PDB file of N, CA and C in Angstrom:
ATOM      1  N   UNK A   1     -22.922 -18.085  -5.001  1.00  0.00           N
ATOM      2  CA  UNK A   1     -22.553 -17.991  -6.687  1.00  0.00           C
ATOM      3  C   UNK A   1     -21.000 -18.315  -6.499  1.00  0.00           C
ATOM      4  N   UNK A   2     -20.591 -18.825  -5.695  1.00  0.00           N
ATOM      5  CA  UNK A   2     -19.272 -20.073  -4.982  1.00  0.00           C
ATOM      6  C   UNK A   2     -18.759 -20.589  -6.281  1.00  0.00           C
ATOM      7  N   UNK A   3     -19.645 -20.941  -6.523  1.00  0.00           N
ATOM      8  CA  UNK A   3     -19.112 -22.594  -7.911  1.00  0.00           C
ATOM      9  C   UNK A   3     -18.854 -21.284  -9.310  1.00  0.00           C
ATOM     10  N   UNK A   4     -19.452 -20.406  -9.228  1.00  0.00           N
ATOM     11  CA  UNK A   4     -19.747 -20.019 -10.474  1.00  0.00           C
ATOM     12  C   UNK A   4     -18.414 -18.981 -10.379  1.00  0.00           C
ATOM     13  N   UNK A   5     -18.727 -18.352  -8.908  1.00  0.00           N
ATOM     14  CA  UNK A   5     -17.198 -17.023  -9.018  1.00  0.00           C
ATOM     15  C   UNK A   5     -16.301 -18.481  -9.187  1.00  0.00           C
ATOM     16  N   UNK A   6     -15.290 -19.595  -9.138  1.00  0.00           N
ATOM     17  CA  UNK A   6     -14.419 -19.909  -8.586  1.00  0.00           C
ATOM     18  C   UNK A   6     -14.408 -20.449 -10.436  1.00  0.00           C
ATOM     19  N   UNK A   7     -15.544 -20.251 -11.773  1.00  0.00           N
ATOM     20  CA  UNK A   7     -14.895 -21.029 -12.338  1.00  0.00           C
ATOM     21  C   UNK A   7     -14.615 -20.190 -13.422  1.00  0.00           C
ATOM     22  N   UNK A   8     -15.444 -18.262 -13.037  1.00  0.00           N
ATOM     23  CA  UNK A   8     -14.894 -17.302 -13.159  1.00  0.00           C
ATOM     24  C   UNK A   8     -13.735 -16.996 -13.586  1.00  0.00           C
ATOM     25  N   UNK A   9     -13.345 -17.005 -12.392  1.00  0.00           N
ATOM     26  CA  UNK A   9     -12.062 -16.719 -11.876  1.00  0.00           C
ATOM     27  C   UNK A   9     -10.875 -18.202 -12.506  1.00  0.00           C
ATOM     28  N   UNK A  10     -11.186 -18.601 -11.884  1.00  0.00           N
ATOM     29  CA  UNK A  10     -10.715 -19.947 -13.046  1.00  0.00           C
ATOM     30  C   UNK A  10     -10.408 -18.952 -14.483  1.00  0.00           C
ATOM     31  N   UNK A  11     -11.484 -19.314 -15.301  1.00  0.00           N
ATOM     32  CA  UNK A  11     -11.393 -19.165 -17.234  1.00  0.00           C
ATOM     33  C   UNK A  11     -10.662 -17.860 -17.035  1.00  0.00           C
ATOM     34  N   UNK A  12     -10.198 -16.136 -16.389  1.00  0.00           N
ATOM     35  CA  UNK A  12      -9.313 -15.225 -15.772  1.00  0.00           C
ATOM     36  C   UNK A  12      -8.336 -16.032 -15.325  1.00  0.00           C
ATOM     37  N   UNK A  13      -7.539 -16.576 -14.817  1.00  0.00           N
ATOM     38  CA  UNK A  13      -6.567 -16.861 -15.002  1.00  0.00           C
ATOM     39  C   UNK A  13      -5.748 -17.430 -16.122  1.00  0.00           C
ATOM     40  N   UNK A  14      -6.745 -18.567 -16.374  1.00  0.00           N
ATOM     41  CA  UNK A  14      -6.443 -19.289 -17.788  1.00  0.00           C
ATOM     42  C   UNK A  14      -5.771 -18.557 -18.853  1.00  0.00           C
ATOM     43  N   UNK A  15      -6.694 -17.364 -19.053  1.00  0.00           N
ATOM     44  CA  UNK A  15      -6.638 -16.046 -19.768  1.00  0.00           C
ATOM     45  C   UNK A  15      -5.875 -14.807 -19.668  1.00  0.00           C
ATOM     46  N   UNK A  16      -5.335 -14.958 -19.074  1.00  0.00           N
ATOM     47  CA  UNK A  16      -4.301 -14.336 -17.985  1.00  0.00           C
ATOM     48  C   UNK A  16      -4.499 -12.778 -17.781  1.00  0.00           C
ATOM     49  N   UNK A  17      -5.593 -13.037 -17.194  1.00  0.00           N
ATOM     50  CA  UNK A  17      -6.213 -11.516 -16.953  1.00  0.00           C
ATOM     51  C   UNK A  17      -5.598 -11.133 -15.622  1.00  0.00           C
ATOM     52  N   UNK A  18      -5.161 -10.245 -15.422  1.00  0.00           N
ATOM     53  CA  UNK A  18      -4.798  -9.642 -14.367  1.00  0.00           C
ATOM     54  C   UNK A  18      -5.672  -9.477 -13.099  1.00  0.00           C
ATOM     55  N   UNK A  19      -4.851  -9.545 -11.919  1.00  0.00           N
ATOM     56  CA  UNK A  19      -6.107  -9.767 -10.796  1.00  0.00           C
ATOM     57  C   UNK A  19      -6.875  -8.350 -10.236  1.00  0.00           C
ATOM     58  N   UNK A  20      -7.058  -7.341 -11.105  1.00  0.00           N
ATOM     59  CA  UNK A  20      -7.702  -6.146 -10.739  1.00  0.00           C
ATOM     60  C   UNK A  20      -8.645  -6.308 -12.062  1.00  0.00           C
ATOM     61  N   UNK A  21      -8.392  -6.735 -13.561  1.00  0.00           N
ATOM     62  CA  UNK A  21      -9.431  -7.750 -13.841  1.00  0.00           C
ATOM     63  C   UNK A  21     -10.952  -8.881 -13.028  1.00  0.00           C
ATOM     64  N   UNK A  22      -9.811  -9.121 -12.821  1.00  0.00           N
ATOM     65  CA  UNK A  22     -10.808 -10.888 -12.076  1.00  0.00           C
ATOM     66  C   UNK A  22     -11.811  -9.521 -10.497  1.00  0.00           C
ATOM     67  N   UNK A  23     -11.286  -8.914  -9.673  1.00  0.00           N
ATOM     68  CA  UNK A  23     -11.911  -7.774  -8.719  1.00  0.00           C
ATOM     69  C   UNK A  23     -13.267  -7.048  -9.815  1.00  0.00           C
ATOM     70  N   UNK A  24     -12.535  -6.055 -11.044  1.00  0.00           N
ATOM     71  CA  UNK A  24     -13.565  -6.011 -11.565  1.00  0.00           C
ATOM     72  C   UNK A  24     -15.197  -6.461 -12.351  1.00  0.00           C
ATOM     73  N   UNK A  25     -14.381  -8.117 -12.808  1.00  0.00           N
ATOM     74  CA  UNK A  25     -15.449  -8.346 -13.649  1.00  0.00           C
ATOM     75  C   UNK A  25     -16.710  -9.451 -12.640  1.00  0.00           C
ATOM     76  N   UNK A  26     -15.693  -9.675 -11.154  1.00  0.00           N
ATOM     77  CA  UNK A  26     -16.692  -9.840 -10.764  1.00  0.00           C
ATOM     78  C   UNK A  26     -17.387  -9.471  -9.845  1.00  0.00           C
ATOM     79  N   UNK A  27     -17.251  -7.956  -9.248  1.00  0.00           N
ATOM     80  CA  UNK A  27     -18.024  -7.146  -8.596  1.00  0.00           C
ATOM     81  C   UNK A  27     -19.002  -7.335  -9.254  1.00  0.00           C
ATOM     82  N   UNK A  28     -18.735  -6.733 -10.763  1.00  0.00           N
ATOM     83  CA  UNK A  28     -20.028  -6.519 -11.994  1.00  0.00           C
ATOM     84  C   UNK A  28     -20.822  -7.410 -11.827  1.00  0.00           C
ATOM     85  N   UNK A  29     -20.980  -8.615 -11.901  1.00  0.00           N
ATOM     86  CA  UNK A  29     -21.257  -9.901 -11.584  1.00  0.00           C
ATOM     87  C   UNK A  29     -22.054 -10.297 -10.430  1.00  0.00           C
ATOM     88  N   UNK A  30     -21.308 -10.089  -9.654  1.00  0.00           N
ATOM     89  CA  UNK A  30     -22.851  -9.959  -8.124  1.00  0.00           C
ATOM     90  C   UNK A  30     -23.409  -8.787  -7.972  1.00  0.00           C
ATOM     91  N   UNK A  31     -23.502  -7.426  -8.197  1.00  0.00           N
ATOM     92  CA  UNK A  31     -23.780  -6.667  -8.488  1.00  0.00           C
ATOM     93  C   UNK A  31     -25.429  -6.920  -9.347  1.00  0.00           C
ATOM     94  N   UNK A  32     -24.891  -7.329 -10.604  1.00  0.00           N
ATOM     95  CA  UNK A  32     -26.252  -7.913 -11.364  1.00  0.00           C
ATOM     96  C   UNK A  32     -26.946  -8.188 -10.683  1.00  0.00           C
ATOM     97  N   UNK A  33     -26.231  -9.665 -10.077  1.00  0.00           N
ATOM     98  CA  UNK A  33     -27.354 -10.701  -9.786  1.00  0.00           C
ATOM     99  C   UNK A  33     -28.106 -10.197  -8.201  1.00  0.00           C
ATOM    100  N   UNK A  34     -27.437  -9.332  -7.659  1.00  0.00           N
ATOM    101  CA  UNK A  34     -27.805  -8.891  -6.605  1.00  0.00           C
ATOM    102  C   UNK A  34     -28.787  -7.267  -6.959  1.00  0.00           C
ATOM    103  N   UNK A  35     -28.926  -7.413  -7.978  1.00  0.00           N
ATOM    104  CA  UNK A  35     -29.906  -5.930  -8.735  1.00  0.00           C
ATOM    105  C   UNK A  35     -31.281  -7.217  -9.023  1.00  0.00           C
ATOM    106  N   UNK A  36     -31.302  -8.499  -9.169  1.00  0.00           N
ATOM    107  CA  UNK A  36     -32.857  -9.040  -9.839  1.00  0.00           C
ATOM    108  C   UNK A  36     -32.761  -9.902  -9.170  1.00  0.00           C
ATOM    109  N   UNK A  37     -32.288 -10.272  -7.667  1.00  0.00           N
ATOM    110  CA  UNK A  37     -32.199 -11.454  -6.707  1.00  0.00           C
ATOM    111  C   UNK A  37     -31.942 -12.717  -7.383  1.00  0.00           C
ATOM    112  N   UNK A  38     -31.465 -12.749  -8.317  1.00  0.00           N
ATOM    113  CA  UNK A  38     -30.904 -13.911  -8.918  1.00  0.00           C
ATOM    114  C   UNK A  38     -29.223 -14.584  -9.202  1.00  0.00           C
ATOM    115  N   UNK A  39     -29.106 -16.046  -9.544  1.00  0.00           N
ATOM    116  CA  UNK A  39     -27.998 -16.281  -9.632  1.00  0.00           C
ATOM    117  C   UNK A  39     -28.234 -15.538 -10.980  1.00  0.00           C
ATOM    118  N   UNK A  40     -27.092 -14.674 -11.344  1.00  0.00           N
ATOM    119  CA  UNK A  40     -27.038 -14.720 -12.815  1.00  0.00           C
ATOM    120  C   UNK A  40     -26.634 -15.961 -13.993  1.00  0.00           C
ATOM    121  N   UNK A  41     -26.678 -17.103 -13.276  1.00  0.00           N
ATOM    122  CA  UNK A  41     -26.193 -17.281 -14.899  1.00  0.00           C
ATOM    123  C   UNK A  41     -28.027 -18.300 -15.101  1.00  0.00           C
ATOM    124  N   UNK A  42     -29.096 -17.487 -14.025  1.00  0.00           N
ATOM    125  CA  UNK A  42     -30.819 -17.820 -14.570  1.00  0.00           C
ATOM    126  C   UNK A  42     -31.443 -16.083 -14.961  1.00  0.00           C
ATOM    127  N   UNK A  43     -30.006 -15.464 -15.732  1.00  0.00           N
ATOM    128  CA  UNK A  43     -30.690 -14.266 -16.211  1.00  0.00           C
ATOM    129  C   UNK A  43     -30.880 -14.350 -17.773  1.00  0.00           C
ATOM    130  N   UNK A  44     -31.984 -13.375 -18.651  1.00  0.00           N
ATOM    131  CA  UNK A  44     -31.050 -13.837 -19.919  1.00  0.00           C
ATOM    132  C   UNK A  44     -30.905 -12.045 -20.086  1.00  0.00           C
ATOM    133  N   UNK A  45     -30.685 -12.790 -21.478  1.00  0.00           N
ATOM    134  CA  UNK A  45     -29.602 -12.116 -22.439  1.00  0.00           C
ATOM    135  C   UNK A  45     -30.414 -10.008 -22.340  1.00  0.00           C
ATOM    136  N   UNK A  46     -31.727 -10.197 -22.067  1.00  0.00           N
ATOM    137  CA  UNK A  46     -32.792  -9.090 -22.920  1.00  0.00           C
ATOM    138  C   UNK A  46     -32.704  -8.142 -20.754  1.00  0.00           C
ATOM    139  N   UNK A  47     -32.122  -9.301 -19.578  1.00  0.00           N
ATOM    140  CA  UNK A  47     -32.555  -8.485 -18.967  1.00  0.00           C
ATOM    141  C   UNK A  47     -31.020  -7.313 -18.440  1.00  0.00           C
ATOM    142  N   UNK A  48     -29.380  -8.443 -19.022  1.00  0.00           N
ATOM    143  CA  UNK A  48     -28.832  -7.734 -18.584  1.00  0.00           C
ATOM    144  C   UNK A  48     -28.916  -6.748 -19.024  1.00  0.00           C
ATOM    145  N   UNK A  49     -29.870  -6.857 -20.692  1.00  0.00           N
ATOM    146  CA  UNK A  49     -29.309  -5.442 -21.355  1.00  0.00           C
ATOM    147  C   UNK A  49     -30.304  -4.611 -20.251  1.00  0.00           C
ATOM    148  N   UNK A  50     -31.248  -4.519 -20.015  1.00  0.00           N
ATOM    149  CA  UNK A  50     -32.022  -4.500 -18.946  1.00  0.00           C
ATOM    150  C   UNK A  50     -30.927  -2.818 -17.671  1.00  0.00           C
ATOM    151  N   UNK A  51     -30.254  -4.287 -17.367  1.00  0.00           N
ATOM    152  CA  UNK A  51     -29.537  -3.976 -16.118  1.00  0.00           C
ATOM    153  C   UNK A  51     -28.369  -2.431 -16.501  1.00  0.00           C
ATOM    154  N   UNK A  52     -27.898  -2.534 -18.129  1.00  0.00           N
ATOM    155  CA  UNK A  52     -26.625  -1.569 -18.450  1.00  0.00           C
ATOM    156  C   UNK A  52     -28.093  -0.581 -18.764  1.00  0.00           C
ATOM    157  N   UNK A  53     -28.505  -0.518 -18.976  1.00  0.00           N
ATOM    158  CA  UNK A  53     -29.346   0.196 -18.958  1.00  0.00           C
ATOM    159  C   UNK A  53     -30.164   1.425 -17.716  1.00  0.00           C
ATOM    160  N   UNK A  54     -30.279   0.108 -16.914  1.00  0.00           N
ATOM    161  CA  UNK A  54     -30.360   0.511 -15.343  1.00  0.00           C
ATOM    162  C   UNK A  54     -28.972   1.353 -15.363  1.00  0.00           C
ATOM    163  N   UNK A  55     -27.819   1.192 -15.393  1.00  0.00           N
ATOM    164  CA  UNK A  55     -26.410   1.903 -15.105  1.00  0.00           C
ATOM    165  C   UNK A  55     -26.057   3.170 -15.689  1.00  0.00           C
ATOM    166  N   UNK A  56     -27.488   3.100 -16.926  1.00  0.00           N
ATOM    167  CA  UNK A  56     -26.992   4.253 -18.262  1.00  0.00           C
ATOM    168  C   UNK A  56     -27.824   5.232 -16.875  1.00  0.00           C
ATOM    169  N   UNK A  57     -28.914   5.544 -17.150  1.00  0.00           N
ATOM    170  CA  UNK A  57     -30.138   6.196 -16.810  1.00  0.00           C
ATOM    171  C   UNK A  57     -30.291   6.290 -15.473  1.00  0.00           C
ATOM    172  N   UNK A  58     -30.108   5.458 -14.332  1.00  0.00           N
ATOM    173  CA  UNK A  58     -30.817   5.944 -13.442  1.00  0.00           C
ATOM    174  C   UNK A  58     -29.156   5.694 -12.685  1.00  0.00           C
ATOM    175  N   UNK A  59     -28.440   5.208 -11.970  1.00  0.00           N
ATOM    176  CA  UNK A  59     -27.378   5.547 -11.660  1.00  0.00           C
ATOM    177  C   UNK A  59     -25.992   6.340 -12.080  1.00  0.00           C
ATOM    178  N   UNK A  60     -26.675   6.508 -13.409  1.00  0.00           N
ATOM    179  CA  UNK A  60     -25.711   7.727 -14.153  1.00  0.00           C
ATOM    180  C   UNK A  60     -23.858   7.136 -13.851  1.00  0.00           C
ATOM    181  N   UNK A  61     -24.392   6.820 -14.594  1.00  0.00           N
ATOM    182  CA  UNK A  61     -22.414   5.379 -13.977  1.00  0.00           C
ATOM    183  C   UNK A  61     -21.545   6.251 -15.699  1.00  0.00           C
ATOM    184  N   UNK A  62     -20.116   6.433 -15.312  1.00  0.00           N
ATOM    185  CA  UNK A  62     -19.303   6.217 -16.445  1.00  0.00           C
ATOM    186  C   UNK A  62     -19.419   5.698 -17.129  1.00  0.00           C
ATOM    187  N   UNK A  63     -18.519   6.231 -18.146  1.00  0.00           N
ATOM    188  CA  UNK A  63     -18.782   5.296 -19.386  1.00  0.00           C
ATOM    189  C   UNK A  63     -18.105   3.419 -18.931  1.00  0.00           C
ATOM    190  N   UNK A  64     -16.255   4.064 -18.539  1.00  0.00           N
ATOM    191  CA  UNK A  64     -15.525   3.184 -18.530  1.00  0.00           C
ATOM    192  C   UNK A  64     -16.329   2.406 -17.030  1.00  0.00           C
ATOM    193  N   UNK A  65     -16.937   2.846 -16.534  1.00  0.00           N
ATOM    194  CA  UNK A  65     -17.256   2.311 -16.082  1.00  0.00           C
ATOM    195  C   UNK A  65     -18.477   0.749 -16.309  1.00  0.00           C
ATOM    196  N   UNK A  66     -19.680   1.491 -17.641  1.00  0.00           N
ATOM    197  CA  UNK A  66     -20.239   0.723 -17.568  1.00  0.00           C
ATOM    198  C   UNK A  66     -19.699  -0.387 -18.801  1.00  0.00           C
ATOM    199  N   UNK A  67     -19.030   0.482 -19.766  1.00  0.00           N
ATOM    200  CA  UNK A  67     -17.981  -1.069 -20.530  1.00  0.00           C
ATOM    201  C   UNK A  67     -17.824  -1.948 -19.316  1.00  0.00           C
ATOM    202  N   UNK A  68     -17.242  -1.719 -18.729  1.00  0.00           N
ATOM    203  CA  UNK A  68     -16.516  -3.041 -18.086  1.00  0.00           C
ATOM    204  C   UNK A  68     -17.315  -3.726 -17.376  1.00  0.00           C
ATOM    205  N   UNK A  69     -18.753  -3.134 -17.300  1.00  0.00           N
ATOM    206  CA  UNK A  69     -19.590  -3.748 -16.518  1.00  0.00           C
ATOM    207  C   UNK A  69     -19.996  -5.166 -18.159  1.00  0.00           C
ATOM    208  N   UNK A  70     -19.823  -4.417 -18.956  1.00  0.00           N
ATOM    209  CA  UNK A  70     -20.720  -4.877 -20.343  1.00  0.00           C
ATOM    210  C   UNK A  70     -19.594  -6.392 -20.597  1.00  0.00           C
ATOM    211  N   UNK A  71     -18.028  -5.788 -20.543  1.00  0.00           N
ATOM    212  CA  UNK A  71     -17.386  -6.339 -20.616  1.00  0.00           C
ATOM    213  C   UNK A  71     -17.057  -7.972 -20.049  1.00  0.00           C
ATOM    214  N   UNK A  72     -17.547  -7.810 -18.438  1.00  0.00           N
ATOM    215  CA  UNK A  72     -17.473  -8.677 -17.878  1.00  0.00           C
ATOM    216  C   UNK A  72     -18.281  -9.401 -17.951  1.00  0.00           C
ATOM    217  N   UNK A  73     -19.534  -9.275 -18.354  1.00  0.00           N
ATOM    218  CA  UNK A  73     -21.075  -9.346 -18.518  1.00  0.00           C
ATOM    219  C   UNK A  73     -21.012 -10.816 -20.074  1.00  0.00           C
ATOM    220  N   UNK A  74     -20.080 -10.306 -21.016  1.00  0.00           N
ATOM    221  CA  UNK A  74     -19.728 -11.041 -21.866  1.00  0.00           C
ATOM    222  C   UNK A  74     -18.711 -12.440 -21.699  1.00  0.00           C
ATOM    223  N   UNK A  75     -17.900 -11.838 -20.540  1.00  0.00           N
ATOM    224  CA  UNK A  75     -16.912 -13.092 -20.800  1.00  0.00           C
ATOM    225  C   UNK A  75     -18.221 -13.818 -19.418  1.00  0.00           C
ATOM    226  N   UNK A  76     -18.323 -13.509 -18.073  1.00  0.00           N
ATOM    227  CA  UNK A  76     -19.490 -14.739 -17.908  1.00  0.00           C
ATOM    228  C   UNK A  76     -20.122 -15.320 -18.886  1.00  0.00           C
ATOM    229  N   UNK A  77     -21.155 -14.863 -19.888  1.00  0.00           N
ATOM    230  CA  UNK A  77     -22.077 -15.592 -20.282  1.00  0.00           C
ATOM    231  C   UNK A  77     -21.104 -16.110 -21.864  1.00  0.00           C
ATOM    232  N   UNK A  78     -20.710 -16.264 -21.729  1.00  0.00           N
ATOM    233  CA  UNK A  78     -19.341 -16.449 -23.097  1.00  0.00           C
ATOM    234  C   UNK A  78     -18.830 -17.787 -22.592  1.00  0.00           C
ATOM    235  N   UNK A  79     -18.122 -16.661 -21.442  1.00  0.00           N
ATOM    236  CA  UNK A  79     -17.297 -17.884 -21.771  1.00  0.00           C
ATOM    237  C   UNK A  79     -17.040 -19.142 -20.371  1.00  0.00           C
ATOM    238  N   UNK A  80     -17.730 -18.918 -18.831  1.00  0.00           N
ATOM    239  CA  UNK A  80     -18.055 -19.275 -18.065  1.00  0.00           C
ATOM    240  C   UNK A  80     -19.065 -19.880 -18.279  1.00  0.00           C
ATOM    241  N   UNK A  81     -20.200 -19.370 -18.760  1.00  0.00           N
ATOM    242  CA  UNK A  81     -21.415 -20.187 -19.150  1.00  0.00           C
ATOM    243  C   UNK A  81     -21.665 -21.711 -20.094  1.00  0.00           C
ATOM    244  N   UNK A  82     -20.438 -21.026 -21.528  1.00  0.00           N
ATOM    245  CA  UNK A  82     -20.600 -21.110 -22.855  1.00  0.00           C
ATOM    246  C   UNK A  82     -21.496 -21.268 -23.345  1.00  0.00           C
ATOM    247  N   UNK A  83     -22.683 -19.593 -23.526  1.00  0.00           N
ATOM    248  CA  UNK A  83     -23.221 -19.613 -24.131  1.00  0.00           C
ATOM    249  C   UNK A  83     -23.273 -19.001 -25.665  1.00  0.00           C
ATOM    250  N   UNK A  84     -23.832 -18.742 -25.915  1.00  0.00           N
ATOM    251  CA  UNK A  84     -22.991 -18.763 -27.753  1.00  0.00           C
ATOM    252  C   UNK A  84     -22.997 -17.167 -27.396  1.00  0.00           C
ATOM    253  N   UNK A  85     -22.309 -16.089 -27.824  1.00  0.00           N
ATOM    254  CA  UNK A  85     -21.854 -15.146 -28.651  1.00  0.00           C
ATOM    255  C   UNK A  85     -23.092 -13.673 -28.037  1.00  0.00           C
ATOM    256  N   UNK A  86     -22.354 -13.470 -26.682  1.00  0.00           N
ATOM    257  CA  UNK A  86     -23.823 -11.942 -26.755  1.00  0.00           C
ATOM    258  C   UNK A  86     -23.082 -10.705 -27.117  1.00  0.00           C
ATOM    259  N   UNK A  87     -23.670 -10.190 -27.761  1.00  0.00           N
ATOM    260  CA  UNK A  87     -23.045  -8.628 -27.409  1.00  0.00           C
ATOM    261  C   UNK A  87     -24.125  -7.375 -26.750  1.00  0.00           C
ATOM    262  N   UNK A  88     -23.389  -7.264 -25.057  1.00  0.00           N
ATOM    263  CA  UNK A  88     -24.036  -6.523 -24.697  1.00  0.00           C
ATOM    264  C   UNK A  88     -23.873  -4.655 -24.879  1.00  0.00           C
ATOM    265  N   UNK A  89     -24.406  -3.992 -25.970  1.00  0.00           N
ATOM    266  CA  UNK A  89     -24.602  -2.723 -25.580  1.00  0.00           C
ATOM    267  C   UNK A  89     -23.797  -1.440 -24.760  1.00  0.00           C
ATOM    268  N   UNK A  90     -23.172  -0.321 -25.168  1.00  0.00           N
ATOM    269  CA  UNK A  90     -23.038   0.416 -23.924  1.00  0.00           C
ATOM    270  C   UNK A  90     -22.537   1.516 -25.045  1.00  0.00           C
ATOM    271  N   UNK A  91     -23.493   2.677 -24.778  1.00  0.00           N
ATOM    272  CA  UNK A  91     -23.312   3.588 -26.500  1.00  0.00           C
ATOM    273  C   UNK A  91     -21.953   4.318 -26.039  1.00  0.00           C
ATOM    274  N   UNK A  92     -21.166   4.350 -27.317  1.00  0.00           N
ATOM    275  CA  UNK A  92     -20.303   5.415 -26.893  1.00  0.00           C
ATOM    276  C   UNK A  92     -19.722   7.414 -26.086  1.00  0.00           C
ATOM    277  N   UNK A  93     -18.957   7.354 -25.277  1.00  0.00           N
ATOM    278  CA  UNK A  93     -19.873   8.791 -24.897  1.00  0.00           C
ATOM    279  C   UNK A  93     -19.867   9.653 -26.274  1.00  0.00           C
ATOM    280  N   UNK A  94     -19.876  10.373 -24.939  1.00  0.00           N
ATOM    281  CA  UNK A  94     -20.125  12.138 -26.538  1.00  0.00           C
ATOM    282  C   UNK A  94     -19.372  12.702 -26.451  1.00  0.00           C
ATOM    283  N   UNK A  95     -18.108  13.124 -27.551  1.00  0.00           N
ATOM    284  CA  UNK A  95     -17.665  13.712 -27.902  1.00  0.00           C
ATOM    285  C   UNK A  95     -17.549  14.939 -27.905  1.00  0.00           C
ATOM    286  N   UNK A  96     -16.587  15.402 -26.881  1.00  0.00           N
ATOM    287  CA  UNK A  96     -17.074  17.516 -27.112  1.00  0.00           C
ATOM    288  C   UNK A  96     -16.916  17.695 -28.980  1.00  0.00           C
ATOM    289  N   UNK A  97     -17.512  18.760 -28.866  1.00  0.00           N
ATOM    290  CA  UNK A  97     -17.413  19.100 -30.347  1.00  0.00           C
ATOM    291  C   UNK A  97     -16.219  20.207 -30.355  1.00  0.00           C
ATOM    292  N   UNK A  98     -15.599  20.010 -31.318  1.00  0.00           N
ATOM    293  CA  UNK A  98     -14.342  20.669 -31.758  1.00  0.00           C
ATOM    294  C   UNK A  98     -14.891  21.993 -32.969  1.00  0.00           C
ATOM    295  N   UNK A  99     -14.430  23.058 -32.873  1.00  0.00           N
ATOM    296  CA  UNK A  99     -14.954  24.430 -34.210  1.00  0.00           C
ATOM    297  C   UNK A  99     -13.944  24.426 -34.440  1.00  0.00           C
ATOM    298  N   UNK A 100     -13.652  24.676 -35.223  1.00  0.00           N
ATOM    299  CA  UNK A 100     -13.124  24.892 -36.480  1.00  0.00           C
ATOM    300  C   UNK A 100     -11.982  26.383 -35.902  1.00  0.00           C
ATOM    301  N   UNK A 101     -10.868  26.547 -35.876  1.00  0.00           N
ATOM    302  CA  UNK A 101      -9.764  27.721 -35.275  1.00  0.00           C
ATOM    303  C   UNK A 101     -10.607  29.115 -36.666  1.00  0.00           C
ATOM    304  N   UNK A 102     -10.425  30.358 -36.487  1.00  0.00           N
ATOM    305  CA  UNK A 102     -10.330  30.855 -37.468  1.00  0.00           C
ATOM    306  C   UNK A 102      -8.605  31.710 -37.700  1.00  0.00           C
TER     307      UNK A 102
END
């Protein structure tokens, strides 16, 4: 994945992304590739969405971690690979219910 990694880092650098964003996005894409044992550019949108569901249901990761992964995948597929815009969905976190004060 080194050529893809280099392209993604270049794309993030050109857009002024922070180094921590680079680290987080690259790590998310690497984990996606390892999950499927294939290069991430060979994965379908459906496989990516299934992986996000895995992060929610099986891994029980926090909303912010799942959201960062979804943003990393959007960036990778749309910007780095030049695929048509893809929307990967991560449900919003449940908001605590507040009751009226009496």
